[in-house]
C-alpha cells in the first residue's frame, strides 16, 4: 500500500509505500509529527504525484497567507 503523509515539523507532504512511512517515523526525532492523510492501493503514480503536488502547493499558499496577518 502507498500513502501520503504530512510532516508537521517540515510542514510538507510526502509519498511512499507504507514501509517508507514506517522508516520515516522510526528516523524522526518527533514521530507524532508524521500523519497519514491518504492511502492508495492501485493508484497511478501520475495521479499520486498530482495529488501530492497540489497538497504541497495549497500548504505553501496557506503559510504565505498566515504570514501576511
N, C-alpha and C. Protein backbone atom coordinates (compact mmCIF):
# COMPACT_ATOMS: atom_id res chain seq x y z
N UNK A 1 0.85 -1.17 0.00
CA UNK A 1 0.00 0.00 0.00
C UNK A 1 0.90 1.24 0.00
N UNK A 2 0.50 2.26 -0.73
CA UNK A 2 1.21 3.53 -0.76
C UNK A 2 0.42 4.57 0.01
N UNK A 3 1.14 5.50 0.60
CA UNK A 3 0.50 6.51 1.44
C UNK A 3 1.09 7.88 1.18
N UNK A 4 0.29 8.90 1.46
CA UNK A 4 0.78 10.27 1.54
C UNK A 4 0.68 10.64 3.01
N UNK A 5 1.76 11.20 3.52
CA UNK A 5 1.74 11.62 4.92
C UNK A 5 2.20 13.06 5.02
N UNK A 6 1.79 13.69 6.12
CA UNK A 6 2.16 15.08 6.39
C UNK A 6 3.13 15.10 7.57
N UNK A 7 4.18 15.88 7.41
CA UNK A 7 5.15 16.04 8.47
C UNK A 7 4.98 17.44 9.04
N UNK A 8 4.47 17.54 10.26
CA UNK A 8 4.22 18.85 10.86
C UNK A 8 5.51 19.60 11.16
N UNK A 9 6.62 18.90 11.32
CA UNK A 9 7.89 19.58 11.57
C UNK A 9 8.41 20.26 10.29
N UNK A 10 8.39 19.56 9.17
CA UNK A 10 8.88 20.14 7.91
C UNK A 10 7.77 20.88 7.16
N UNK A 11 6.54 20.72 7.62
CA UNK A 11 5.37 21.34 7.00
C UNK A 11 5.25 21.00 5.52
N UNK A 12 5.41 19.70 5.23
CA UNK A 12 5.29 19.25 3.85
C UNK A 12 4.71 17.84 3.81
N UNK A 13 4.14 17.53 2.64
CA UNK A 13 3.57 16.21 2.38
C UNK A 13 4.60 15.35 1.69
N UNK A 14 4.56 14.04 1.97
CA UNK A 14 5.50 13.09 1.39
C UNK A 14 4.71 11.87 0.92
N UNK A 15 5.31 11.14 -0.02
CA UNK A 15 4.67 9.96 -0.59
C UNK A 15 5.63 8.79 -0.59
N UNK A 16 5.11 7.62 -0.31
CA UNK A 16 5.91 6.41 -0.37
C UNK A 16 5.08 5.21 0.03
N UNK A 17 5.70 4.06 0.00
CA UNK A 17 5.00 2.85 0.45
C UNK A 17 4.91 2.88 1.98
N UNK A 18 4.08 2.02 2.52
CA UNK A 18 3.89 2.03 3.97
C UNK A 18 5.19 1.74 4.71
N UNK A 19 6.07 0.94 4.10
CA UNK A 19 7.36 0.66 4.73
C UNK A 19 8.22 1.93 4.81
N UNK A 20 8.16 2.76 3.78
CA UNK A 20 8.90 4.02 3.81
C UNK A 20 8.36 4.95 4.89
N UNK A 21 7.04 4.94 5.07
CA UNK A 21 6.45 5.74 6.14
C UNK A 21 6.94 5.27 7.50
N UNK A 22 6.92 3.96 7.71
CA UNK A 22 7.39 3.40 8.99
C UNK A 22 8.85 3.77 9.22
N UNK A 23 9.67 3.71 8.16
CA UNK A 23 11.07 4.08 8.27
C UNK A 23 11.23 5.56 8.63
N UNK A 24 10.41 6.42 8.01
CA UNK A 24 10.46 7.85 8.30
C UNK A 24 10.07 8.11 9.75
N UNK A 25 9.07 7.40 10.25
CA UNK A 25 8.65 7.53 11.65
C UNK A 25 9.77 7.11 12.58
N UNK A 26 10.43 6.00 12.26
CA UNK A 26 11.49 5.50 13.14
C UNK A 26 12.71 6.41 13.15
N UNK A 27 12.96 7.12 12.04
CA UNK A 27 14.10 8.04 11.97
C UNK A 27 13.78 9.42 12.53
N UNK A 28 12.51 9.71 12.69
CA UNK A 28 12.09 11.04 13.12
C UNK A 28 12.40 11.28 14.59
N UNK A 29 12.81 12.49 14.88
CA UNK A 29 13.00 12.86 16.27
C UNK A 29 11.67 13.13 16.96
N UNK A 30 10.62 13.27 16.16
CA UNK A 30 9.29 13.55 16.67
C UNK A 30 8.28 12.69 15.89
N UNK A 31 8.17 11.40 16.20
CA UNK A 31 7.31 10.50 15.43
C UNK A 31 5.85 10.94 15.35
N UNK A 32 5.36 11.64 16.35
CA UNK A 32 3.96 12.08 16.31
C UNK A 32 3.73 13.20 15.30
N UNK A 33 4.80 13.72 14.71
CA UNK A 33 4.69 14.78 13.71
C UNK A 33 4.29 14.24 12.34
N UNK A 34 4.35 12.93 12.14
CA UNK A 34 4.04 12.34 10.84
C UNK A 34 2.65 11.70 10.89
N UNK A 35 1.78 12.17 10.01
CA UNK A 35 0.39 11.69 9.98
C UNK A 35 0.03 11.26 8.57
N UNK A 36 -0.52 10.06 8.43
CA UNK A 36 -1.00 9.59 7.13
C UNK A 36 -2.30 10.33 6.81
N UNK A 37 -2.35 10.90 5.59
CA UNK A 37 -3.55 11.62 5.18
C UNK A 37 -4.30 10.93 4.05
N UNK A 38 -3.62 10.06 3.27
CA UNK A 38 -4.27 9.33 2.18
C UNK A 38 -3.60 7.99 2.01
N UNK A 39 -4.40 7.00 1.63
CA UNK A 39 -3.89 5.66 1.32
C UNK A 39 -4.30 5.30 -0.10
N UNK A 40 -3.39 4.66 -0.82
CA UNK A 40 -3.64 4.26 -2.20
C UNK A 40 -3.31 2.79 -2.37
N UNK A 41 -4.22 2.03 -2.97
CA UNK A 41 -3.93 0.65 -3.28
C UNK A 41 -3.38 0.50 -4.69
N UNK A 42 -4.12 1.00 -5.66
CA UNK A 42 -3.73 0.80 -7.05
C UNK A 42 -3.79 2.09 -7.86
N UNK A 43 -3.44 3.19 -7.26
CA UNK A 43 -3.47 4.47 -7.97
C UNK A 43 -2.25 4.60 -8.86
N UNK A 44 -2.42 5.30 -9.97
CA UNK A 44 -1.28 5.52 -10.85
C UNK A 44 -0.31 6.51 -10.20
N UNK A 45 0.94 6.37 -10.53
CA UNK A 45 1.97 7.25 -9.98
C UNK A 45 1.69 8.70 -10.38
N UNK A 46 1.20 8.89 -11.59
CA UNK A 46 0.90 10.25 -12.06
C UNK A 46 -0.19 10.90 -11.20
N UNK A 47 -1.24 10.16 -10.90
CA UNK A 47 -2.31 10.68 -10.05
C UNK A 47 -1.79 11.03 -8.67
N UNK A 48 -1.02 10.15 -8.08
CA UNK A 48 -0.50 10.38 -6.74
C UNK A 48 0.41 11.60 -6.73
N UNK A 49 1.27 11.75 -7.74
CA UNK A 49 2.15 12.91 -7.80
C UNK A 49 1.35 14.20 -7.96
N UNK A 50 0.27 14.15 -8.70
CA UNK A 50 -0.57 15.33 -8.87
C UNK A 50 -1.21 15.72 -7.54
N UNK A 51 -1.74 14.74 -6.82
CA UNK A 51 -2.34 15.00 -5.50
C UNK A 51 -1.29 15.56 -4.55
N UNK A 52 -0.12 14.94 -4.52
CA UNK A 52 0.96 15.38 -3.64
C UNK A 52 1.38 16.82 -3.96
N UNK A 53 1.54 17.13 -5.24
CA UNK A 53 1.92 18.48 -5.64
C UNK A 53 0.86 19.50 -5.24
N UNK A 54 -0.40 19.15 -5.42
CA UNK A 54 -1.47 20.07 -5.06
C UNK A 54 -1.54 20.29 -3.54
N UNK A 55 -1.36 19.24 -2.77
CA UNK A 55 -1.36 19.39 -1.31
C UNK A 55 -0.24 20.32 -0.85
N UNK A 56 0.96 20.14 -1.40
CA UNK A 56 2.08 20.99 -1.02
C UNK A 56 1.88 22.42 -1.50
N UNK A 57 1.28 22.61 -2.67
CA UNK A 57 1.01 23.95 -3.19
C UNK A 57 0.02 24.69 -2.29
N UNK A 58 -1.06 24.03 -1.93
CA UNK A 58 -2.05 24.64 -1.04
C UNK A 58 -1.41 24.96 0.31
N UNK A 59 -0.61 24.05 0.80
CA UNK A 59 0.05 24.26 2.08
C UNK A 59 0.95 25.50 2.04
N UNK A 60 1.71 25.67 0.96
CA UNK A 60 2.59 26.83 0.81
C UNK A 60 1.77 28.12 0.76
N UNK A 61 0.66 28.10 0.03
CA UNK A 61 -0.19 29.29 -0.06
C UNK A 61 -0.81 29.63 1.28
N UNK A 62 -1.19 28.62 2.03
CA UNK A 62 -1.77 28.85 3.36
C UNK A 62 -0.74 29.49 4.29
N UNK A 63 0.49 29.00 4.23
CA UNK A 63 1.55 29.56 5.07
C UNK A 63 1.82 31.03 4.71
N UNK A 64 1.82 31.36 3.42
CA UNK A 64 2.05 32.73 2.99
C UNK A 64 0.91 33.64 3.44
N UNK A 65 -0.32 33.15 3.39
CA UNK A 65 -1.44 33.98 3.81
C UNK A 65 -1.42 34.22 5.32
N UNK A 66 -0.93 33.27 6.07
CA UNK A 66 -0.82 33.43 7.53
C UNK A 66 0.28 34.44 7.85
N UNK A 67 1.36 34.44 7.09
CA UNK A 67 2.46 35.38 7.32
C UNK A 67 2.02 36.82 7.11
N UNK A 68 1.06 37.04 6.22
CA UNK A 68 0.59 38.41 5.93
C UNK A 68 -0.09 39.01 7.15
N UNK A 69 -0.84 38.19 7.87
CA UNK A 69 -1.55 38.69 9.04
C UNK A 69 -0.63 38.63 10.20
